[in-house]
Amino acid sequence: MKNLLFLFLLSPFFLASQNAVFPDEYIGKWAGQLQIYNGAGLVQQLPMQLHILPTDSTNRYTFTIIYGEDTLAGRRPYELLVLDQEKGLYLVDEKNTIQMEAYYIGGKLWQNFEVQGSVLNTTLWKENGDLVWELSFGSTTPASTSGGQMHEGEEIPEVKAFPIQGVQRARLARM
């Protein structure tokens, strides 16, 4: 009973430490190689940086992505806003009228969006002191559709499978 009471009294501290993980433990400047793959394998590599830094505003951080050698032309000066840290809800503001929700779930920051006929899924997480950033992309046109009929007396829902045409992955170390 004493152990149970002790754990109960400590639980607010555990919850607070879990909520503080993102974005606090991700703050810094990170750099590495972005690798781009398609079905045939690795097709391109280029430098990538990610800068997550606090701003003067509460719950607002820089979320600057830099692609390639030209750090000016390749700079994407986005911002990350904390909408509801307890629910893991964030917003990436591209500063050009595009704003997309992001979700911190299971130790990873997730985004899922569609643009110009492509679905993109991004994930960012910490692994062995590095940040790992991954993006998969594919068409919004299904590769196949199945189900949608009766099978052994049960109505089977229609399922659409979407193609994944490529993956981008970067392991980023603190600069």
N, C-alpha and C. Protein backbone atom coordinates (compact mmCIF):
# COMPACT_ATOMS: atom_id res chain seq x y z
N MET A 1 0.82 -1.19 0.00
CA MET A 1 0.00 0.00 0.00
C MET A 1 0.87 1.26 0.00
N LYS A 2 1.97 1.24 0.79
CA LYS A 2 2.87 2.39 0.81
C LYS A 2 3.45 2.65 -0.57
N ASN A 3 3.86 1.56 -1.26
CA ASN A 3 4.43 1.71 -2.60
C ASN A 3 3.41 2.30 -3.56
N LEU A 4 2.17 1.87 -3.45
CA LEU A 4 1.11 2.38 -4.32
C LEU A 4 0.90 3.87 -4.07
N LEU A 5 0.85 4.27 -2.79
CA LEU A 5 0.69 5.68 -2.45
C LEU A 5 1.87 6.49 -2.97
N PHE A 6 3.08 5.96 -2.82
CA PHE A 6 4.29 6.64 -3.29
C PHE A 6 4.21 6.86 -4.81
N LEU A 7 3.83 5.82 -5.56
CA LEU A 7 3.70 5.94 -7.02
C LEU A 7 2.62 6.94 -7.39
N PHE A 8 1.51 6.91 -6.65
CA PHE A 8 0.41 7.84 -6.93
C PHE A 8 0.87 9.28 -6.73
N LEU A 9 1.62 9.52 -5.66
CA LEU A 9 2.10 10.88 -5.39
C LEU A 9 3.13 11.34 -6.42
N LEU A 10 3.90 10.41 -6.97
CA LEU A 10 4.92 10.77 -7.97
C LEU A 10 4.35 10.88 -9.38
N SER A 11 3.18 10.34 -9.63
CA SER A 11 2.65 10.30 -11.00
C SER A 11 2.57 11.67 -11.66
N PRO A 12 2.22 12.77 -10.96
CA PRO A 12 2.23 14.07 -11.63
C PRO A 12 3.62 14.45 -12.15
N PHE A 13 4.67 14.04 -11.42
CA PHE A 13 6.03 14.34 -11.88
C PHE A 13 6.39 13.55 -13.13
N PHE A 14 5.95 12.29 -13.19
CA PHE A 14 6.20 11.48 -14.39
C PHE A 14 5.47 12.06 -15.58
N LEU A 15 4.22 12.47 -15.38
CA LEU A 15 3.45 13.05 -16.49
C LEU A 15 4.09 14.35 -16.95
N ALA A 16 4.53 15.17 -16.02
CA ALA A 16 5.16 16.44 -16.40
C ALA A 16 6.43 16.19 -17.18
N SER A 17 7.22 15.19 -16.79
CA SER A 17 8.46 14.93 -17.51
C SER A 17 8.19 14.37 -18.89
N GLN A 18 7.11 13.58 -19.06
CA GLN A 18 6.76 13.09 -20.39
C GLN A 18 6.36 14.24 -21.30
N ASN A 19 5.58 15.18 -20.77
CA ASN A 19 5.12 16.31 -21.57
C ASN A 19 6.27 17.24 -21.95
N ALA A 20 7.32 17.29 -21.12
CA ALA A 20 8.43 18.19 -21.38
C ALA A 20 9.38 17.66 -22.45
N VAL A 21 9.21 16.42 -22.87
CA VAL A 21 10.11 15.80 -23.83
C VAL A 21 10.13 16.56 -25.16
N PHE A 22 8.97 16.93 -25.65
CA PHE A 22 8.92 17.62 -26.93
C PHE A 22 8.26 18.97 -26.75
N PRO A 23 8.86 20.02 -27.25
CA PRO A 23 10.07 20.05 -28.07
C PRO A 23 11.37 20.26 -27.29
N ASP A 24 11.29 20.31 -25.96
CA ASP A 24 12.47 20.70 -25.16
C ASP A 24 13.72 19.88 -25.47
N GLU A 25 13.61 18.56 -25.55
CA GLU A 25 14.78 17.73 -25.79
C GLU A 25 15.26 17.76 -27.24
N TYR A 26 14.50 18.43 -28.10
CA TYR A 26 14.85 18.53 -29.52
C TYR A 26 15.50 19.87 -29.85
N ILE A 27 15.53 20.78 -28.88
CA ILE A 27 16.06 22.12 -29.13
C ILE A 27 17.55 22.03 -29.48
N GLY A 28 17.91 22.76 -30.54
CA GLY A 28 19.30 22.81 -30.97
C GLY A 28 19.40 22.90 -32.47
N LYS A 29 20.63 22.88 -32.95
CA LYS A 29 20.90 22.86 -34.38
C LYS A 29 21.44 21.47 -34.71
N TRP A 30 20.85 20.85 -35.72
CA TRP A 30 21.15 19.47 -36.08
C TRP A 30 21.55 19.42 -37.55
N ALA A 31 22.48 18.53 -37.90
CA ALA A 31 22.92 18.42 -39.29
C ALA A 31 23.29 16.98 -39.62
N GLY A 32 23.13 16.64 -40.91
CA GLY A 32 23.48 15.32 -41.39
C GLY A 32 23.24 15.21 -42.88
N GLN A 33 23.15 13.99 -43.36
CA GLN A 33 22.91 13.72 -44.78
C GLN A 33 21.48 13.24 -44.99
N LEU A 34 20.80 13.86 -45.93
CA LEU A 34 19.47 13.41 -46.35
C LEU A 34 19.68 12.40 -47.47
N GLN A 35 19.09 11.22 -47.30
CA GLN A 35 19.17 10.18 -48.32
C GLN A 35 17.78 10.01 -48.93
N ILE A 36 17.73 9.99 -50.25
CA ILE A 36 16.46 9.90 -50.97
C ILE A 36 16.43 8.57 -51.72
N TYR A 37 15.36 7.81 -51.49
CA TYR A 37 15.22 6.46 -52.06
C TYR A 37 13.95 6.38 -52.90
N ASN A 38 14.03 5.53 -53.95
CA ASN A 38 12.83 5.08 -54.64
C ASN A 38 12.89 3.55 -54.68
N GLY A 39 12.03 2.93 -55.46
CA GLY A 39 12.00 1.47 -55.51
C GLY A 39 13.30 0.83 -55.96
N ALA A 40 14.13 1.57 -56.69
CA ALA A 40 15.40 1.04 -57.17
C ALA A 40 16.52 1.19 -56.14
N GLY A 41 16.29 1.97 -55.08
CA GLY A 41 17.32 2.17 -54.06
C GLY A 41 17.66 3.63 -53.87
N LEU A 42 18.85 3.89 -53.34
CA LEU A 42 19.31 5.25 -53.07
C LEU A 42 19.54 5.99 -54.38
N VAL A 43 18.89 7.16 -54.54
CA VAL A 43 19.03 7.92 -55.79
C VAL A 43 19.73 9.26 -55.59
N GLN A 44 19.75 9.77 -54.35
CA GLN A 44 20.38 11.07 -54.13
C GLN A 44 20.71 11.25 -52.66
N GLN A 45 21.79 12.00 -52.40
CA GLN A 45 22.15 12.41 -51.04
C GLN A 45 22.49 13.89 -51.06
N LEU A 46 22.11 14.58 -50.01
CA LEU A 46 22.47 15.98 -49.88
C LEU A 46 22.48 16.37 -48.41
N PRO A 47 23.22 17.43 -48.07
CA PRO A 47 23.25 17.87 -46.68
C PRO A 47 21.87 18.37 -46.24
N MET A 48 21.58 18.19 -44.96
CA MET A 48 20.33 18.69 -44.39
C MET A 48 20.62 19.18 -42.98
N GLN A 49 19.97 20.27 -42.62
CA GLN A 49 20.03 20.79 -41.26
C GLN A 49 18.62 21.02 -40.75
N LEU A 50 18.44 20.92 -39.45
CA LEU A 50 17.18 21.25 -38.80
C LEU A 50 17.53 22.06 -37.55
N HIS A 51 16.98 23.27 -37.47
CA HIS A 51 17.22 24.15 -36.33
C HIS A 51 15.90 24.32 -35.58
N ILE A 52 15.86 23.84 -34.36
CA ILE A 52 14.69 24.01 -33.49
C ILE A 52 15.16 24.84 -32.31
N LEU A 53 14.76 26.11 -32.30
CA LEU A 53 15.25 27.05 -31.29
C LEU A 53 14.09 27.84 -30.71
N PRO A 54 14.16 28.20 -29.43
CA PRO A 54 13.09 29.02 -28.85
C PRO A 54 13.08 30.41 -29.48
N THR A 55 11.92 31.02 -29.52
CA THR A 55 11.78 32.40 -29.97
C THR A 55 11.44 33.25 -28.75
N ASP A 56 11.19 34.54 -28.98
CA ASP A 56 10.80 35.43 -27.89
C ASP A 56 9.38 35.16 -27.41
N SER A 57 8.60 34.42 -28.20
CA SER A 57 7.21 34.14 -27.85
C SER A 57 7.09 32.79 -27.15
N THR A 58 6.26 32.73 -26.14
CA THR A 58 6.01 31.48 -25.43
C THR A 58 5.37 30.47 -26.37
N ASN A 59 5.79 29.23 -26.28
CA ASN A 59 5.23 28.12 -27.07
C ASN A 59 5.43 28.28 -28.58
N ARG A 60 6.46 28.99 -28.98
CA ARG A 60 6.78 29.17 -30.40
C ARG A 60 8.28 28.95 -30.57
N TYR A 61 8.63 28.13 -31.56
CA TYR A 61 10.02 27.76 -31.81
C TYR A 61 10.32 27.92 -33.30
N THR A 62 11.59 28.19 -33.61
CA THR A 62 11.97 28.09 -35.02
C THR A 62 11.94 26.61 -35.38
N PHE A 63 11.66 26.33 -36.62
CA PHE A 63 11.68 24.96 -37.14
C PHE A 63 12.25 25.08 -38.56
N THR A 64 13.50 25.52 -38.62
CA THR A 64 14.14 25.83 -39.89
C THR A 64 14.78 24.57 -40.48
N ILE A 65 14.36 24.24 -41.69
CA ILE A 65 14.94 23.11 -42.43
C ILE A 65 15.83 23.70 -43.52
N ILE A 66 17.04 23.19 -43.65
CA ILE A 66 17.97 23.65 -44.69
C ILE A 66 18.39 22.44 -45.51
N TYR A 67 18.11 22.51 -46.82
CA TYR A 67 18.46 21.43 -47.74
C TYR A 67 19.61 21.88 -48.62
N GLY A 68 20.62 21.03 -48.79
CA GLY A 68 21.68 21.27 -49.75
C GLY A 68 22.83 22.12 -49.22
N GLU A 69 23.79 22.36 -50.11
CA GLU A 69 25.00 23.12 -49.78
C GLU A 69 24.71 24.61 -49.63
N ASP A 70 23.79 25.13 -50.45
CA ASP A 70 23.45 26.55 -50.41
C ASP A 70 22.47 26.79 -49.26
N THR A 71 23.01 27.24 -48.12
CA THR A 71 22.19 27.36 -46.92
C THR A 71 21.20 28.52 -46.97
N LEU A 72 21.34 29.41 -47.96
CA LEU A 72 20.35 30.48 -48.14
C LEU A 72 19.22 30.02 -49.06
N ALA A 73 19.57 29.50 -50.23
CA ALA A 73 18.54 29.04 -51.17
C ALA A 73 17.78 27.83 -50.63
N GLY A 74 18.45 27.00 -49.85
CA GLY A 74 17.83 25.78 -49.33
C GLY A 74 17.12 25.95 -48.01
N ARG A 75 17.07 27.18 -47.50
CA ARG A 75 16.49 27.46 -46.17
C ARG A 75 14.97 27.54 -46.24
N ARG A 76 14.32 26.80 -45.32
CA ARG A 76 12.86 26.85 -45.14
C ARG A 76 12.62 27.33 -43.71
N PRO A 77 12.36 28.64 -43.52
CA PRO A 77 12.26 29.21 -42.16
C PRO A 77 10.88 29.03 -41.53
N TYR A 78 10.54 27.80 -41.21
CA TYR A 78 9.24 27.51 -40.62
C TYR A 78 9.27 27.79 -39.12
N GLU A 79 8.07 27.73 -38.51
CA GLU A 79 7.96 27.84 -37.06
C GLU A 79 7.12 26.69 -36.54
N LEU A 80 7.41 26.29 -35.31
CA LEU A 80 6.66 25.25 -34.62
C LEU A 80 5.93 25.90 -33.46
N LEU A 81 4.62 25.72 -33.42
CA LEU A 81 3.81 26.27 -32.34
C LEU A 81 3.25 25.14 -31.49
N VAL A 82 3.31 25.32 -30.20
CA VAL A 82 2.71 24.36 -29.27
C VAL A 82 1.25 24.76 -29.10
N LEU A 83 0.33 23.91 -29.58
CA LEU A 83 -1.10 24.19 -29.42
C LEU A 83 -1.65 23.60 -28.13
N ASP A 84 -1.34 22.34 -27.87
CA ASP A 84 -1.77 21.66 -26.64
C ASP A 84 -0.77 20.55 -26.35
N GLN A 85 0.23 20.87 -25.53
CA GLN A 85 1.32 19.93 -25.27
C GLN A 85 0.82 18.64 -24.63
N GLU A 86 -0.16 18.74 -23.72
CA GLU A 86 -0.67 17.53 -23.06
C GLU A 86 -1.32 16.58 -24.05
N LYS A 87 -1.95 17.12 -25.09
CA LYS A 87 -2.58 16.28 -26.11
C LYS A 87 -1.62 15.96 -27.25
N GLY A 88 -0.41 16.53 -27.21
CA GLY A 88 0.56 16.28 -28.27
C GLY A 88 0.23 16.99 -29.57
N LEU A 89 -0.45 18.14 -29.49
CA LEU A 89 -0.89 18.86 -30.69
C LEU A 89 -0.01 20.08 -30.94
N TYR A 90 0.55 20.14 -32.14
CA TYR A 90 1.45 21.21 -32.55
C TYR A 90 1.03 21.72 -33.92
N LEU A 91 1.64 22.81 -34.35
CA LEU A 91 1.37 23.36 -35.67
C LEU A 91 2.68 23.78 -36.30
N VAL A 92 2.92 23.37 -37.54
CA VAL A 92 4.07 23.84 -38.30
C VAL A 92 3.55 24.94 -39.23
N ASP A 93 4.09 26.13 -39.04
CA ASP A 93 3.70 27.31 -39.82
C ASP A 93 4.81 27.58 -40.82
N GLU A 94 4.49 27.42 -42.11
CA GLU A 94 5.49 27.64 -43.16
C GLU A 94 5.68 29.11 -43.49
N LYS A 95 4.92 29.99 -42.81
CA LYS A 95 5.05 31.44 -42.96
C LYS A 95 4.69 31.92 -44.36
N ASN A 96 3.85 31.16 -45.08
CA ASN A 96 3.43 31.55 -46.43
C ASN A 96 1.95 31.21 -46.64
N THR A 97 1.16 31.22 -45.60
CA THR A 97 -0.26 30.85 -45.52
C THR A 97 -0.47 29.35 -45.33
N ILE A 98 0.58 28.53 -45.40
CA ILE A 98 0.44 27.09 -45.17
C ILE A 98 0.74 26.81 -43.70
N GLN A 99 -0.23 26.19 -43.04
CA GLN A 99 -0.08 25.78 -41.65
C GLN A 99 -0.60 24.36 -41.54
N MET A 100 0.18 23.47 -40.92
CA MET A 100 -0.20 22.06 -40.84
C MET A 100 -0.03 21.55 -39.42
N GLU A 101 -1.04 20.84 -38.95
CA GLU A 101 -0.96 20.23 -37.63
C GLU A 101 0.12 19.16 -37.61
N ALA A 102 0.69 18.98 -36.44
CA ALA A 102 1.66 17.91 -36.19
C ALA A 102 1.29 17.31 -34.84
N TYR A 103 1.56 16.01 -34.69
CA TYR A 103 1.12 15.29 -33.50
C TYR A 103 2.31 14.55 -32.88
N TYR A 104 2.57 14.82 -31.61
CA TYR A 104 3.63 14.12 -30.89
C TYR A 104 2.99 12.93 -30.18
N ILE A 105 3.19 11.75 -30.74
CA ILE A 105 2.58 10.52 -30.25
C ILE A 105 3.65 9.44 -30.20
N GLY A 106 3.72 8.74 -29.09
CA GLY A 106 4.64 7.61 -28.98
C GLY A 106 6.10 7.98 -29.14
N GLY A 107 6.46 9.19 -28.72
CA GLY A 107 7.86 9.62 -28.80
C GLY A 107 8.28 10.11 -30.17
N LYS A 108 7.30 10.36 -31.06
CA LYS A 108 7.62 10.85 -32.41
C LYS A 108 6.67 11.98 -32.80
N LEU A 109 7.18 12.92 -33.60
CA LEU A 109 6.36 13.99 -34.15
C LEU A 109 5.91 13.55 -35.54
N TRP A 110 4.59 13.49 -35.74
CA TRP A 110 4.00 12.99 -36.99
C TRP A 110 3.27 14.10 -37.73
N GLN A 111 3.36 14.07 -39.05
CA GLN A 111 2.54 14.91 -39.93
C GLN A 111 2.07 14.05 -41.09
N ASN A 112 0.86 14.33 -41.55
CA ASN A 112 0.28 13.61 -42.68
C ASN A 112 -0.49 14.65 -43.49
N PHE A 113 -0.11 14.85 -44.75
CA PHE A 113 -0.78 15.87 -45.55
C PHE A 113 -0.75 15.52 -47.03
N GLU A 114 -1.61 16.20 -47.77
CA GLU A 114 -1.72 15.99 -49.22
C GLU A 114 -1.45 17.31 -49.90
N VAL A 115 -0.68 17.27 -50.98
CA VAL A 115 -0.42 18.46 -51.78
C VAL A 115 -0.25 18.04 -53.24
N GLN A 116 -0.97 18.68 -54.11
CA GLN A 116 -0.85 18.49 -55.55
C GLN A 116 -0.85 17.02 -55.96
N GLY A 117 -1.79 16.25 -55.43
CA GLY A 117 -1.94 14.86 -55.83
C GLY A 117 -1.00 13.87 -55.16
N SER A 118 -0.23 14.34 -54.18
CA SER A 118 0.67 13.46 -53.43
C SER A 118 0.34 13.50 -51.95
N VAL A 119 0.42 12.34 -51.32
CA VAL A 119 0.27 12.23 -49.87
C VAL A 119 1.67 12.13 -49.28
N LEU A 120 1.94 12.93 -48.27
CA LEU A 120 3.24 12.91 -47.60
C LEU A 120 3.04 12.62 -46.12
N ASN A 121 3.91 11.79 -45.59
CA ASN A 121 3.92 11.46 -44.16
C ASN A 121 5.31 11.75 -43.64
N THR A 122 5.42 12.59 -42.61
CA THR A 122 6.72 12.87 -42.02
C THR A 122 6.73 12.42 -40.57
N THR A 123 7.90 12.00 -40.13
CA THR A 123 8.10 11.58 -38.75
C THR A 123 9.46 12.09 -38.29
N LEU A 124 9.50 12.58 -37.06
CA LEU A 124 10.74 13.06 -36.46
C LEU A 124 10.84 12.47 -35.06
N TRP A 125 12.01 11.87 -34.75
CA TRP A 125 12.18 11.29 -33.42
C TRP A 125 13.65 11.30 -33.02
N LYS A 126 13.88 11.10 -31.72
CA LYS A 126 15.24 11.00 -31.19
C LYS A 126 15.64 9.54 -31.10
N GLU A 127 16.90 9.27 -31.48
CA GLU A 127 17.41 7.91 -31.44
C GLU A 127 18.91 7.98 -31.16
N ASN A 128 19.33 7.43 -30.03
CA ASN A 128 20.75 7.41 -29.65
C ASN A 128 21.40 8.79 -29.71
N GLY A 129 20.69 9.81 -29.24
CA GLY A 129 21.23 11.16 -29.19
C GLY A 129 21.11 11.94 -30.48
N ASP A 130 20.70 11.31 -31.56
CA ASP A 130 20.50 11.97 -32.85
C ASP A 130 19.01 12.21 -33.08
N LEU A 131 18.71 13.07 -34.05
CA LEU A 131 17.34 13.18 -34.55
C LEU A 131 17.27 12.38 -35.84
N VAL A 132 16.18 11.68 -36.03
CA VAL A 132 15.93 10.96 -37.28
C VAL A 132 14.68 11.58 -37.89
N TRP A 133 14.81 12.01 -39.13
CA TRP A 133 13.71 12.63 -39.87
C TRP A 133 13.41 11.73 -41.06
N GLU A 134 12.15 11.41 -41.24
CA GLU A 134 11.77 10.53 -42.35
C GLU A 134 10.50 11.05 -43.00
N LEU A 135 10.46 10.97 -44.30
CA LEU A 135 9.31 11.38 -45.08
C LEU A 135 9.05 10.32 -46.14
N SER A 136 7.79 9.89 -46.24
CA SER A 136 7.40 9.00 -47.34
C SER A 136 6.38 9.75 -48.18
N PHE A 137 6.36 9.45 -49.48
CA PHE A 137 5.41 10.15 -50.35
C PHE A 137 4.90 9.20 -51.42
N GLY A 138 3.69 9.49 -51.86
CA GLY A 138 3.07 8.69 -52.91
C GLY A 138 1.82 9.38 -53.42
N SER A 139 1.20 8.77 -54.38
CA SER A 139 0.04 9.33 -55.06
C SER A 139 -1.22 9.19 -54.21
N THR A 140 -2.16 10.12 -54.42
CA THR A 140 -3.48 10.00 -53.79
C THR A 140 -4.38 9.06 -54.59
N THR A 141 -3.91 8.61 -55.74
CA THR A 141 -4.65 7.62 -56.54
C THR A 141 -4.31 6.23 -56.02
N PRO A 142 -5.32 5.45 -55.66
CA PRO A 142 -5.03 4.12 -55.11
C PRO A 142 -4.29 3.23 -56.11
N ALA A 143 -3.38 2.42 -55.58
CA ALA A 143 -2.71 1.41 -56.40
C ALA A 143 -3.64 0.23 -56.61
N SER A 144 -4.49 -0.02 -55.61
CA SER A 144 -5.47 -1.10 -55.72
C SER A 144 -6.62 -0.83 -54.76
N THR A 145 -7.74 -1.45 -55.07
CA THR A 145 -8.93 -1.40 -54.22
C THR A 145 -9.44 -2.82 -54.08
N SER A 146 -9.73 -3.22 -52.85
CA SER A 146 -10.24 -4.57 -52.62
C SER A 146 -11.32 -4.52 -51.55
N GLY A 147 -11.91 -5.67 -51.26
CA GLY A 147 -13.00 -5.72 -50.29
C GLY A 147 -14.26 -5.13 -50.90
N GLY A 148 -15.10 -4.52 -50.06
CA GLY A 148 -16.32 -3.88 -50.56
C GLY A 148 -17.37 -4.87 -51.00
N GLN A 149 -17.37 -6.06 -50.41
CA GLN A 149 -18.35 -7.08 -50.80
C GLN A 149 -18.60 -8.03 -49.64
N MET A 150 -19.55 -8.91 -49.83
CA MET A 150 -19.87 -9.92 -48.82
C MET A 150 -18.85 -11.06 -48.91
N HIS A 151 -18.46 -11.57 -47.75
CA HIS A 151 -17.56 -12.72 -47.69
C HIS A 151 -18.00 -13.58 -46.51
N GLU A 152 -18.44 -14.78 -46.82
CA GLU A 152 -18.90 -15.73 -45.81
C GLU A 152 -19.90 -15.09 -44.85
N GLY A 153 -20.85 -14.34 -45.43
CA GLY A 153 -21.93 -13.73 -44.66
C GLY A 153 -21.56 -12.43 -43.95
N GLU A 154 -20.36 -11.95 -44.16
CA GLU A 154 -19.92 -10.72 -43.50
C GLU A 154 -19.65 -9.65 -44.55
N GLU A 155 -20.14 -8.43 -44.28
CA GLU A 155 -19.89 -7.30 -45.18
C GLU A 155 -18.46 -6.81 -44.94
N ILE A 156 -17.62 -6.94 -45.94
CA ILE A 156 -16.22 -6.52 -45.85
C ILE A 156 -16.10 -5.10 -46.39
N PRO A 157 -15.50 -4.19 -45.62
CA PRO A 157 -15.38 -2.81 -46.10
C PRO A 157 -14.40 -2.71 -47.27
N GLU A 158 -14.63 -1.71 -48.09
CA GLU A 158 -13.70 -1.44 -49.19
C GLU A 158 -12.39 -0.89 -48.61
N VAL A 159 -11.28 -1.38 -49.12
CA VAL A 159 -9.96 -0.93 -48.69
C VAL A 159 -9.18 -0.45 -49.91
N LYS A 160 -8.65 0.77 -49.81
CA LYS A 160 -7.82 1.32 -50.88
C LYS A 160 -6.37 1.34 -50.39
N ALA A 161 -5.48 0.79 -51.19
CA ALA A 161 -4.04 0.81 -50.88
C ALA A 161 -3.38 1.86 -51.77
N PHE A 162 -2.58 2.70 -51.14
CA PHE A 162 -1.94 3.79 -51.87
C PHE A 162 -0.45 3.51 -52.05
N PRO A 163 0.08 3.86 -53.22
CA PRO A 163 1.50 3.57 -53.48
C PRO A 163 2.43 4.48 -52.69
N ILE A 164 3.56 3.94 -52.31
CA ILE A 164 4.65 4.76 -51.75
C ILE A 164 5.71 4.82 -52.84
N GLN A 165 5.96 6.02 -53.33
CA GLN A 165 6.86 6.19 -54.46
C GLN A 165 8.29 6.52 -54.05
N GLY A 166 8.44 6.98 -52.80
CA GLY A 166 9.78 7.31 -52.35
C GLY A 166 9.83 7.58 -50.87
N VAL A 167 11.05 7.55 -50.35
CA VAL A 167 11.30 7.81 -48.94
C VAL A 167 12.53 8.70 -48.85
N GLN A 168 12.46 9.67 -47.95
CA GLN A 168 13.62 10.51 -47.63
C GLN A 168 13.93 10.28 -46.16
N ARG A 169 15.21 10.11 -45.84
CA ARG A 169 15.60 9.83 -44.45
C ARG A 169 16.90 10.57 -44.13
N ALA A 170 16.94 11.17 -42.95
CA ALA A 170 18.16 11.84 -42.49
C ALA A 170 18.40 11.52 -41.03
N ARG A 171 19.63 11.21 -40.69
CA ARG A 171 20.06 11.10 -39.29
C ARG A 171 20.85 12.37 -39.02
N LEU A 172 20.38 13.15 -38.06
CA LEU A 172 20.94 14.47 -37.80
C LEU A 172 21.59 14.49 -36.42
N ALA A 173 22.86 14.91 -36.38
CA ALA A 173 23.60 15.02 -35.12
C ALA A 173 23.64 16.48 -34.70
N ARG A 174 23.77 16.69 -33.41
CA ARG A 174 23.87 18.06 -32.89
C ARG A 174 25.10 18.74 -33.48
N MET A 175 24.93 19.98 -33.92
CA MET A 175 26.04 20.75 -34.51
C MET A 175 26.89 21.36 -33.39
